[in-house]
Amino acid sequence: MHKKHTFLLAFLFSLFLINPIAYASNPGSAKDSLIKMANKIASFKSFSVTLRMGYDVLQDNGEKIEFNEIRNFKLKRPSFISVSATRSDGEQVGLLYNGEVMTQFNLNEKVYAQLEKKMDLDNFIHYAVSTLKIRIPLARMLTSTFPSDLKRLCKEAYFIEKDVVVADVPTAHYAGRTEDVDFQVWIADDNLPRRLIITYKKEEGQPQFWADFKKWDINPRFSREDFVFEPKKGMEKIPILIPVKNEGKRMEEKDHVK
């Protein structure tokens, strides 16, 4: 065969190969970069961000099915948070807290519930996730203790590569491990994450959670009214929104912070 043709075939064949990439040899610096990201997020007095996210649900037959959501976060320290979500089936739900009253709502069911509880944001998030069993994806990332938690939990961290395709800006791709999960995060030059993948390695089927971070705003103009719930016409107030224990083929939802 002509040498030129041989070279061309070899080149085309190489385009379809996935070349293994060795981890960087300095895991310490990778963990430092992750902590730097965590410190920046924890330092914000307020911010907003939109997450396009998905998670695997292990079926009875062993197959994993993905479900998706879009979540909008608004946060103002020390005591304010708003989370609104649109799920892949069209359900619209949300959570607000203004330092005094928590409101949980479901627009499709036209119901809402409120609970009076005075505390700061860190304690509220812990209370909502641990005691009330409310699902707040990446809840740990919303607390001021995120840097110390990440430093304590992250056992290994490695730089993978400079990525130019996963986001609308170049990102540094890192991989890390905790006792319970493996994770990957893509961090832009502004030290803010653009993508995250969590693998629950100790759970059956090793399901994954992923999130793309969009529309970071680190200088938003919030008012107190942004965190006060105004029920729409026809909505009914109920004592409490009881978590659904069995959603058919959906999993009992996680907080994705372990």
Protein backbone atom coordinates (compact mmCIF):
# COMPACT_ATOMS: atom_id res chain seq x y z
CA MET A 1 0.00 0.00 0.00
CA HIS A 2 1.18 3.50 -0.76
CA LYS A 3 2.82 5.16 2.28
CA LYS A 4 0.52 8.17 2.01
CA HIS A 5 -2.55 5.93 2.13
CA THR A 6 -1.12 3.97 5.06
CA PHE A 7 -0.51 7.19 7.00
CA LEU A 8 -4.02 8.46 6.25
CA LEU A 9 -5.67 5.24 7.42
CA ALA A 10 -3.61 5.24 10.61
CA PHE A 11 -4.57 8.86 11.26
CA LEU A 12 -8.28 8.26 10.69
CA PHE A 13 -8.22 5.16 12.89
CA SER A 14 -6.56 7.11 15.70
CA LEU A 15 -9.44 9.59 15.74
CA PHE A 16 -11.74 6.86 17.07
CA LEU A 17 -9.44 5.65 19.82
CA ILE A 18 -9.84 6.86 23.40
CA ASN A 19 -6.34 7.47 24.63
CA PRO A 20 -5.82 6.88 28.35
CA ILE A 21 -4.74 10.05 30.17
CA ALA A 22 -2.47 9.66 33.15
CA TYR A 23 -3.31 11.64 36.27
CA ALA A 24 -1.03 14.53 37.10
CA SER A 25 1.74 13.57 39.50
CA ASN A 26 1.00 16.28 42.07
CA PRO A 27 -2.32 15.47 43.79
CA GLY A 28 -1.61 18.04 46.52
CA SER A 29 -1.86 20.95 44.12
CA ALA A 30 -5.11 19.54 42.70
CA LYS A 31 -6.69 19.44 46.15
CA ASP A 32 -5.48 23.00 46.75
CA SER A 33 -7.32 24.05 43.58
CA LEU A 34 -10.50 22.40 44.80
CA ILE A 35 -10.22 24.13 48.16
CA LYS A 36 -9.65 27.43 46.36
CA MET A 37 -12.92 26.89 44.48
CA ALA A 38 -14.72 26.08 47.74
CA ASN A 39 -13.27 29.13 49.49
CA LYS A 40 -14.48 31.41 46.71
CA ILE A 41 -18.05 30.09 46.81
CA ALA A 42 -18.13 30.27 50.61
CA SER A 43 -16.85 33.86 50.53
CA PHE A 44 -19.81 35.20 48.55
CA LYS A 45 -22.27 37.30 50.53
CA SER A 46 -24.84 36.43 47.89
CA PHE A 47 -25.02 34.65 44.54
CA SER A 48 -27.37 33.02 42.09
CA VAL A 49 -26.76 30.12 39.73
CA THR A 50 -28.79 27.81 37.49
CA LEU A 51 -28.11 24.09 37.46
CA ARG A 52 -29.10 21.74 34.67
CA MET A 53 -28.77 18.39 36.38
CA GLY A 54 -29.56 14.71 36.11
CA TYR A 55 -29.38 11.58 38.19
CA ASP A 56 -29.52 7.83 37.64
CA VAL A 57 -32.26 5.67 39.08
CA LEU A 58 -31.57 1.96 39.34
CA GLN A 59 -34.56 -0.06 38.11
CA ASP A 60 -35.72 -3.41 39.44
CA ASN A 61 -34.23 -5.14 36.39
CA GLY A 62 -30.78 -3.58 36.98
CA GLU A 63 -31.08 -0.94 34.27
CA LYS A 64 -30.22 2.67 35.11
CA ILE A 65 -32.62 5.37 33.89
CA GLU A 66 -31.74 9.07 33.94
CA PHE A 67 -34.08 11.80 35.15
CA ASN A 68 -33.36 15.51 34.75
CA GLU A 69 -34.09 18.85 36.39
CA ILE A 70 -33.37 22.54 36.11
CA ARG A 71 -32.79 24.25 39.46
CA ASN A 72 -32.39 27.94 40.17
CA PHE A 73 -30.57 28.89 43.36
CA LYS A 74 -30.60 32.31 45.03
CA LEU A 75 -28.61 32.72 48.21
CA LYS A 76 -27.98 35.67 50.50
CA ARG A 77 -26.04 35.18 53.71
CA PRO A 78 -26.56 34.90 56.56
CA SER A 79 -30.12 33.55 56.37
CA PHE A 80 -31.78 33.64 52.95
CA ILE A 81 -32.18 31.00 50.26
CA SER A 82 -34.55 30.32 47.37
CA VAL A 83 -34.58 27.12 45.32
CA SER A 84 -36.98 26.54 42.43
CA ALA A 85 -36.97 23.42 40.29
CA THR A 86 -38.60 22.13 37.12
CA ARG A 87 -38.39 18.38 36.84
CA SER A 88 -38.28 16.40 33.62
CA ASP A 89 -41.95 15.41 34.00
CA GLY A 90 -42.95 19.08 34.26
CA GLU A 91 -43.44 19.20 38.03
CA GLN A 92 -42.53 22.60 39.53
CA VAL A 93 -41.44 22.67 43.16
CA GLY A 94 -39.49 24.99 45.40
CA LEU A 95 -38.16 26.00 48.78
CA LEU A 96 -37.70 29.44 50.36
CA TYR A 97 -36.25 30.51 53.68
CA ASN A 98 -35.88 34.06 55.00
CA GLY A 99 -34.32 33.47 58.41
CA GLU A 100 -37.68 33.05 60.08
CA VAL A 101 -40.07 31.06 57.88
CA MET A 102 -39.46 28.10 55.59
CA THR A 103 -41.87 27.57 52.71
CA GLN A 104 -42.03 24.43 50.60
CA PHE A 105 -44.37 24.43 47.59
CA ASN A 106 -45.62 22.42 44.63
CA LEU A 107 -47.18 24.51 41.87
CA ASN A 108 -48.64 21.53 40.03
CA GLU A 109 -50.47 20.25 43.11
CA LYS A 110 -51.29 23.85 44.12
CA VAL A 111 -50.17 23.33 47.70
CA TYR A 112 -47.61 24.83 50.05
CA ALA A 113 -46.47 24.34 53.63
CA GLN A 114 -44.71 26.66 56.02
CA LEU A 115 -42.66 26.22 59.16
CA GLU A 116 -41.41 28.90 61.52
CA LYS A 117 -37.77 28.33 62.42
CA LYS A 118 -35.19 31.00 63.25
CA MET A 119 -31.59 30.11 62.43
CA ASP A 120 -28.74 31.01 60.11
CA LEU A 121 -28.39 29.53 56.64
CA ASP A 122 -25.84 26.85 57.54
CA ASN A 123 -28.00 25.49 60.35
CA PHE A 124 -31.13 25.70 58.22
CA ILE A 125 -29.61 23.70 55.37
CA HIS A 126 -28.42 21.04 57.81
CA TYR A 127 -31.84 20.97 59.48
CA ALA A 128 -33.73 20.80 56.18
CA VAL A 129 -31.62 17.96 54.77
CA SER A 130 -30.98 15.91 57.93
CA THR A 131 -34.18 16.40 59.93
CA LEU A 132 -36.88 17.28 57.41
CA LYS A 133 -35.35 15.05 54.69
CA ILE A 134 -35.78 17.79 52.09
CA ARG A 135 -33.78 17.21 48.94
CA ILE A 136 -31.32 20.03 48.30
CA PRO A 137 -28.80 18.87 45.66
CA LEU A 138 -25.23 19.95 46.45
CA ALA A 139 -26.39 21.31 49.79
CA ARG A 140 -22.90 21.21 51.26
CA MET A 141 -21.71 23.58 48.53
CA LEU A 142 -24.17 26.20 49.80
CA THR A 143 -22.75 26.37 53.33
CA SER A 144 -19.92 28.47 54.73
CA THR A 145 -18.26 25.24 55.92
CA PHE A 146 -17.87 23.95 52.36
CA PRO A 147 -14.06 24.50 52.30
CA SER A 148 -13.42 22.71 55.60
CA ASP A 149 -15.84 19.90 54.70
CA LEU A 150 -14.15 19.38 51.34
CA LYS A 151 -10.69 19.42 52.92
CA ARG A 152 -11.79 16.83 55.50
CA LEU A 153 -13.70 14.52 53.16
CA CYS A 154 -11.51 14.56 50.03
CA LYS A 155 -9.00 11.72 50.28
CA GLU A 156 -7.43 12.08 46.81
CA ALA A 157 -7.51 14.69 44.06
CA TYR A 158 -5.88 14.85 40.63
CA PHE A 159 -5.68 17.24 37.70
CA ILE A 160 -6.82 15.51 34.51
CA GLU A 161 -6.52 18.02 31.68
CA LYS A 162 -7.34 21.46 30.38
CA ASP A 163 -10.78 21.10 28.81
CA VAL A 164 -12.06 23.38 26.02
CA VAL A 165 -15.36 21.70 25.14
CA VAL A 166 -17.38 20.99 28.31
CA ALA A 167 -18.31 24.64 28.95
CA ASP A 168 -18.44 27.95 27.11
CA VAL A 169 -15.04 28.83 28.62
CA PRO A 170 -11.90 26.70 29.13
CA THR A 171 -11.92 24.70 32.35
CA ALA A 172 -9.49 22.66 34.44
CA HIS A 173 -10.78 19.11 34.83
CA TYR A 174 -10.16 17.50 38.24
CA ALA A 175 -11.02 14.13 39.74
CA GLY A 176 -11.35 13.38 43.43
CA ARG A 177 -12.39 10.68 45.87
CA THR A 178 -14.04 10.58 49.27
CA GLU A 179 -14.88 7.56 51.37
CA ASP A 180 -18.29 7.18 49.72
CA VAL A 181 -18.10 8.84 46.30
CA ASP A 182 -15.86 9.55 43.35
CA PHE A 183 -16.31 12.95 41.75
CA GLN A 184 -15.15 15.04 38.82
CA VAL A 185 -15.35 18.82 38.58
CA TRP A 186 -14.54 21.27 35.80
CA ILE A 187 -13.38 24.66 37.13
CA ALA A 188 -13.00 27.82 35.04
CA ASP A 189 -10.29 30.45 35.47
CA ASP A 190 -12.61 32.41 37.76
CA ASN A 191 -12.45 29.44 40.22
CA LEU A 192 -16.14 28.66 39.75
CA PRO A 193 -17.34 25.18 38.75
CA ARG A 194 -18.97 24.67 35.37
CA ARG A 195 -19.67 20.92 35.60
CA LEU A 196 -19.76 18.27 38.32
CA ILE A 197 -20.21 14.49 38.28
CA ILE A 198 -20.64 12.40 41.43
CA THR A 199 -20.48 8.58 41.35
CA TYR A 200 -21.95 6.79 44.38
CA LYS A 201 -19.45 3.96 44.31
CA LYS A 202 -20.81 2.09 47.34
CA GLU A 203 -24.41 1.98 46.15
CA GLU A 204 -25.87 -0.73 43.97
CA GLY A 205 -25.20 -0.04 40.32
CA GLN A 206 -22.94 2.92 41.20
CA PRO A 207 -25.49 5.57 40.11
CA GLN A 208 -24.31 9.02 39.06
CA PHE A 209 -25.43 12.57 39.65
CA TRP A 210 -24.28 15.35 37.33
CA ALA A 211 -24.81 19.10 37.12
CA ASP A 212 -23.93 21.84 34.67
CA PHE A 213 -23.57 25.27 36.29
CA LYS A 214 -25.03 28.12 34.23
CA LYS A 215 -25.50 31.86 34.73
CA TRP A 216 -23.30 32.44 37.75
CA ASP A 217 -24.10 35.86 39.23
CA ILE A 218 -21.89 36.79 42.19
CA ASN A 219 -23.26 40.33 42.57
CA PRO A 220 -27.02 39.90 42.42
CA ARG A 221 -29.41 42.52 43.76
CA PHE A 222 -31.79 40.71 46.05
CA SER A 223 -34.50 42.13 48.27
CA ARG A 224 -36.22 40.45 51.18
CA GLU A 225 -39.25 39.92 48.94
CA ASP A 226 -37.20 37.52 46.80
CA PHE A 227 -37.30 35.09 49.73
CA VAL A 228 -40.92 35.56 50.80
CA PHE A 229 -43.51 33.21 49.33
CA GLU A 230 -46.64 34.69 47.77
CA PRO A 231 -49.13 31.87 47.06
CA LYS A 232 -50.77 31.94 43.66
CA LYS A 233 -54.53 32.11 43.43
CA GLY A 234 -56.13 28.77 44.25
CA MET A 235 -53.17 27.39 46.23
CA GLU A 236 -53.95 25.57 49.47
CA LYS A 237 -51.85 25.76 52.61
CA ILE A 238 -51.29 22.35 54.20
CA PRO A 239 -49.56 21.42 57.47
CA ILE A 240 -46.49 19.86 55.88
CA LEU A 241 -45.39 18.37 52.56
CA ILE A 242 -44.72 14.73 53.38
CA PRO A 243 -41.84 13.31 51.30
CA VAL A 244 -43.00 10.66 48.85
CA LYS A 245 -41.35 7.39 49.83
CA ASN A 246 -42.06 5.54 46.61
CA GLU A 247 -42.04 7.36 43.28
CA GLY A 248 -42.50 4.26 41.17
CA LYS A 249 -39.40 4.01 39.03
CA ARG A 250 -37.79 7.12 40.49
CA MET A 251 -35.41 6.80 43.38
CA GLU A 252 -36.10 8.18 46.83
CA GLU A 253 -34.20 11.36 46.13
CA LYS A 254 -30.83 12.15 47.64
CA ASP A 255 -29.28 15.38 48.80
CA HIS A 256 -26.14 14.59 46.75
CA VAL A 257 -23.78 15.97 49.34
CA LYS A 258 -22.14 12.90 50.85
